[in-house]
Amino acid sequence: MSQIRAILWDNDGVLVDTEPLFLQATRDALARVDVRLELEQYVEISLSQGRSCLDLAEERGVSPDGIEELRAWRNVRYSQLLRGGVRVFEGAAESVAALHGRFPMAIVTSSNPDHFDEIHEPLGLVEYFEFVLTSGDYLRHKPHPEPYLRAAERMGVEPASCLVVEDTERGLEAAVSAGMRCVVVPHGLTRHGDFRRAHGVLGSLSELPGAVERLGGR
């Protein structure tokens, strides 16, 4: 097993508890075209498959232009919800600080850049990372491996020497398909996911430094 030389972090659902806010914004957007989004649908479509729940509006006959209008409205609504405050997950700040300097680290997220900046501006976590890849920095989203492969390339390390920290099935699939090890830290929306391919399932990020040691961190 290769030594761990870099740690790649997902953002939403790993560092910050933003998934319930994105769910609410998506629900509000779909309600504008009389589409009801159930929690189970969101988990399956978005967090497991990595697709947009706005596909449900397309299935109801909403035009491509209408979908883009919904997407823009959803993004504005999500920004409004973010301004109400974002919770950092237990152990996130401590683990990031503990691993900083021992490993180069990056954030690899599906968030758009504006939302990412809104989330992190008051938090002070980004300073611990070498760089951040957001939705505009790659063509194919998780569960495709491209986001993590691009991060490894930019970091200058082999994929096999990267450890990924994820919370969803789509993220785990992206990491494993990229040839990387992955530990998963489930939360309320993903606790029933299938994480059998993970190299560890943690109760909280407080356990991450120990997991890094077990998996070959120096």
Protein backbone atom coordinates (compact mmCIF):
# COMPACT_ATOMS: atom_id res chain seq x y z
CA MET A 1 0.00 0.00 0.00
CA SER A 2 1.39 3.38 -1.03
CA GLN A 3 2.23 5.91 1.61
CA ILE A 4 -0.29 8.73 1.89
CA ARG A 5 1.22 11.88 0.43
CA ALA A 6 -1.83 14.12 0.09
CA ILE A 7 -5.33 14.46 1.56
CA LEU A 8 -8.25 15.60 -0.60
CA TRP A 9 -11.38 16.82 1.17
CA ASP A 10 -14.94 17.10 0.01
CA ASN A 11 -16.62 20.23 1.37
CA ASP A 12 -20.40 20.04 1.68
CA GLY A 13 -21.34 17.40 4.21
CA VAL A 14 -17.72 16.88 5.29
CA LEU A 15 -16.36 20.22 6.50
CA VAL A 16 -19.64 22.13 6.65
CA ASP A 17 -23.25 21.11 7.25
CA THR A 18 -24.71 22.64 4.10
CA GLU A 19 -26.58 19.72 2.53
CA PRO A 20 -29.85 20.46 4.41
CA LEU A 21 -29.71 24.05 3.12
CA PHE A 22 -29.16 22.94 -0.48
CA LEU A 23 -32.00 20.45 -0.08
CA GLN A 24 -34.29 23.25 1.12
CA ALA A 25 -33.29 25.55 -1.75
CA THR A 26 -33.91 22.77 -4.26
CA ARG A 27 -37.27 21.92 -2.72
CA ASP A 28 -38.29 25.59 -2.86
CA ALA A 29 -37.25 25.84 -6.52
CA LEU A 30 -39.14 22.71 -7.57
CA ALA A 31 -42.24 23.85 -5.69
CA ARG A 32 -42.42 26.77 -8.12
CA VAL A 33 -43.36 24.28 -10.85
CA ASP A 34 -45.52 22.12 -8.56
CA VAL A 35 -42.94 19.36 -8.14
CA ARG A 36 -42.59 17.94 -4.64
CA LEU A 37 -39.11 16.73 -3.70
CA GLU A 38 -39.04 14.00 -1.07
CA LEU A 39 -36.02 13.49 1.16
CA GLU A 40 -35.49 9.98 -0.19
CA GLN A 41 -35.46 11.31 -3.76
CA TYR A 42 -32.85 13.93 -2.89
CA VAL A 43 -30.59 11.38 -1.24
CA GLU A 44 -30.84 8.94 -4.15
CA ILE A 45 -30.68 11.40 -7.05
CA SER A 46 -28.20 13.92 -5.70
CA LEU A 47 -26.10 12.25 -3.00
CA SER A 48 -25.97 8.73 -4.43
CA GLN A 49 -26.17 9.21 -8.22
CA GLY A 50 -24.69 12.71 -8.45
CA ARG A 51 -27.49 14.02 -10.69
CA SER A 52 -29.48 17.23 -10.39
CA CYS A 53 -32.88 17.00 -8.74
CA LEU A 54 -34.03 19.60 -11.25
CA ASP A 55 -34.27 16.62 -13.61
CA LEU A 56 -37.60 15.99 -11.89
CA ALA A 57 -38.92 19.23 -13.39
CA GLU A 58 -37.65 18.22 -16.81
CA GLU A 59 -39.53 14.93 -16.48
CA ARG A 60 -42.69 16.96 -15.86
CA GLY A 61 -42.19 18.81 -19.14
CA VAL A 62 -40.42 21.98 -18.01
CA SER A 63 -38.41 23.37 -20.94
CA PRO A 64 -34.60 23.67 -20.93
CA ASP A 65 -34.94 27.44 -20.52
CA GLY A 66 -37.33 26.87 -17.65
CA ILE A 67 -34.83 24.52 -15.99
CA GLU A 68 -32.11 27.16 -16.22
CA GLU A 69 -34.45 29.73 -14.68
CA LEU A 70 -35.15 27.31 -11.83
CA ARG A 71 -31.42 26.69 -11.39
CA ALA A 72 -30.72 30.42 -11.17
CA TRP A 73 -33.57 30.90 -8.69
CA ARG A 74 -32.35 27.92 -6.63
CA ASN A 75 -28.84 29.36 -6.49
CA VAL A 76 -30.11 32.72 -5.22
CA ARG A 77 -32.26 30.96 -2.63
CA TYR A 78 -29.30 28.86 -1.51
CA SER A 79 -27.22 32.01 -1.03
CA GLN A 80 -29.98 33.45 1.14
CA LEU A 81 -29.97 30.35 3.31
CA LEU A 82 -26.18 30.37 3.58
CA ARG A 83 -26.26 33.92 4.90
CA GLY A 84 -28.23 32.60 7.86
CA GLY A 85 -25.07 30.83 9.04
CA VAL A 86 -23.32 27.54 8.35
CA ARG A 87 -22.33 24.97 10.96
CA VAL A 88 -18.83 23.47 10.84
CA PHE A 89 -18.89 19.76 11.60
CA GLU A 90 -17.55 18.44 14.87
CA GLY A 91 -13.82 17.82 14.69
CA ALA A 92 -13.36 19.54 11.34
CA ALA A 93 -11.30 22.53 12.45
CA GLU A 94 -9.21 20.46 14.84
CA SER A 95 -8.44 17.72 12.30
CA VAL A 96 -7.61 20.19 9.53
CA ALA A 97 -5.22 22.01 11.86
CA ALA A 98 -3.66 18.76 13.10
CA LEU A 99 -2.97 17.46 9.58
CA HIS A 100 -1.83 20.79 8.15
CA GLY A 101 1.93 20.82 7.58
CA ARG A 102 2.11 17.02 7.65
CA PHE A 103 0.33 16.57 4.31
CA PRO A 104 -0.52 18.89 1.43
CA MET A 105 -4.30 19.17 1.37
CA ALA A 106 -6.93 20.43 -1.06
CA ILE A 107 -10.69 20.81 -1.15
CA VAL A 108 -12.49 19.19 -4.10
CA THR A 109 -16.11 20.29 -4.21
CA SER A 110 -19.12 20.43 -6.49
CA SER A 111 -20.04 23.85 -5.08
CA ASN A 112 -19.96 26.79 -7.43
CA PRO A 113 -17.25 29.34 -6.57
CA ASP A 114 -19.64 32.01 -5.29
CA HIS A 115 -21.36 29.65 -2.89
CA PHE A 116 -18.03 28.26 -1.70
CA ASP A 117 -16.78 31.76 -0.93
CA GLU A 118 -19.99 32.64 0.91
CA ILE A 119 -19.63 29.53 3.05
CA HIS A 120 -15.97 29.92 3.92
CA GLU A 121 -15.40 33.66 4.17
CA PRO A 122 -16.20 33.74 7.92
CA LEU A 123 -14.74 30.33 8.81
CA GLY A 124 -10.95 30.56 8.42
CA LEU A 125 -10.51 26.99 7.19
CA VAL A 126 -9.32 27.61 3.63
CA GLU A 127 -5.91 28.85 4.79
CA TYR A 128 -4.99 25.27 5.69
CA PHE A 129 -5.36 24.04 2.10
CA GLU A 130 -3.04 24.28 -0.88
CA PHE A 131 -5.91 25.00 -3.27
CA VAL A 132 -9.63 24.52 -3.88
CA LEU A 133 -11.28 22.97 -6.95
CA THR A 134 -14.90 24.07 -7.44
CA SER A 135 -17.48 23.20 -10.09
CA GLY A 136 -15.89 25.34 -12.81
CA ASP A 137 -12.51 23.62 -12.56
CA TYR A 138 -13.46 20.34 -14.24
CA LEU A 139 -15.95 19.08 -16.83
CA ARG A 140 -17.42 15.94 -15.25
CA HIS A 141 -18.73 15.92 -11.72
CA LYS A 142 -18.65 13.21 -9.07
CA PRO A 143 -19.21 10.25 -9.26
CA HIS A 144 -16.86 10.64 -12.24
CA PRO A 145 -13.22 10.50 -11.05
CA GLU A 146 -12.16 13.62 -12.96
CA PRO A 147 -12.37 16.08 -10.01
CA TYR A 148 -10.05 13.97 -7.87
CA LEU A 149 -7.70 13.12 -10.73
CA ARG A 150 -7.33 16.82 -11.52
CA ALA A 151 -6.55 17.51 -7.87
CA ALA A 152 -3.86 14.82 -7.77
CA GLU A 153 -2.33 16.15 -10.98
CA ARG A 154 -2.25 19.69 -9.63
CA MET A 155 -0.81 18.43 -6.33
CA GLY A 156 1.90 16.56 -8.25
CA VAL A 157 1.22 13.20 -6.61
CA GLU A 158 0.07 9.81 -7.83
CA PRO A 159 -3.63 9.02 -7.26
CA ALA A 160 -2.68 5.91 -5.26
CA SER A 161 -0.93 8.10 -2.70
CA CYS A 162 -4.02 10.27 -2.08
CA LEU A 163 -6.52 9.85 0.73
CA VAL A 164 -10.00 11.28 0.12
CA VAL A 165 -12.43 12.35 2.86
CA GLU A 166 -16.04 12.01 1.72
CA ASP A 167 -19.61 11.72 2.99
CA THR A 168 -21.62 10.37 0.04
CA GLU A 169 -21.83 7.36 -2.24
CA ARG A 170 -21.16 9.56 -5.28
CA GLY A 171 -17.99 10.91 -3.65
CA LEU A 172 -16.79 7.46 -2.65
CA GLU A 173 -17.34 6.23 -6.20
CA ALA A 174 -15.35 9.17 -7.59
CA ALA A 175 -12.44 8.52 -5.24
CA VAL A 176 -12.30 4.76 -5.76
CA SER A 177 -12.62 5.15 -9.54
CA ALA A 178 -9.67 7.55 -9.38
CA GLY A 179 -7.58 4.84 -7.71
CA MET A 180 -7.51 6.58 -4.33
CA ARG A 181 -8.20 5.46 -0.80
CA CYS A 182 -11.28 6.99 0.77
CA VAL A 183 -12.64 7.34 4.28
CA VAL A 184 -16.28 8.29 4.71
CA VAL A 185 -17.81 10.36 7.50
CA PRO A 186 -21.58 9.94 7.11
CA HIS A 187 -24.07 12.52 8.41
CA GLY A 188 -27.83 12.55 8.83
CA LEU A 189 -28.64 12.47 5.13
CA THR A 190 -26.07 9.81 4.18
CA ARG A 191 -25.97 7.52 7.21
CA HIS A 192 -27.76 4.70 5.34
CA GLY A 193 -25.44 4.79 2.32
CA ASP A 194 -23.53 1.82 0.94
CA PHE A 195 -19.94 2.49 1.95
CA ARG A 196 -18.54 -1.03 1.71
CA ARG A 197 -15.82 0.11 -0.71
CA ALA A 198 -14.51 2.72 1.73
CA HIS A 199 -11.23 2.23 3.57
CA GLY A 200 -12.90 3.37 6.75
CA VAL A 201 -16.22 4.75 7.99
CA LEU A 202 -15.73 7.27 10.79
CA GLY A 203 -18.11 8.52 13.44
CA SER A 204 -16.74 12.05 13.20
CA LEU A 205 -13.80 13.97 11.78
CA SER A 206 -12.17 13.79 15.21
CA GLU A 207 -11.21 10.23 14.24
CA LEU A 208 -9.49 11.26 11.00
CA PRO A 209 -5.89 11.80 12.23
CA GLY A 210 -5.89 8.29 13.69
CA ALA A 211 -7.34 6.85 10.50
CA VAL A 212 -4.60 8.57 8.46
CA GLU A 213 -1.96 6.87 10.59
CA ARG A 214 -3.57 3.45 10.14
CA LEU A 215 -3.81 3.87 6.38
CA GLY A 216 -0.18 4.74 5.84
CA GLY A 217 0.28 8.37 6.75
CA ARG A 218 3.75 9.38 7.79
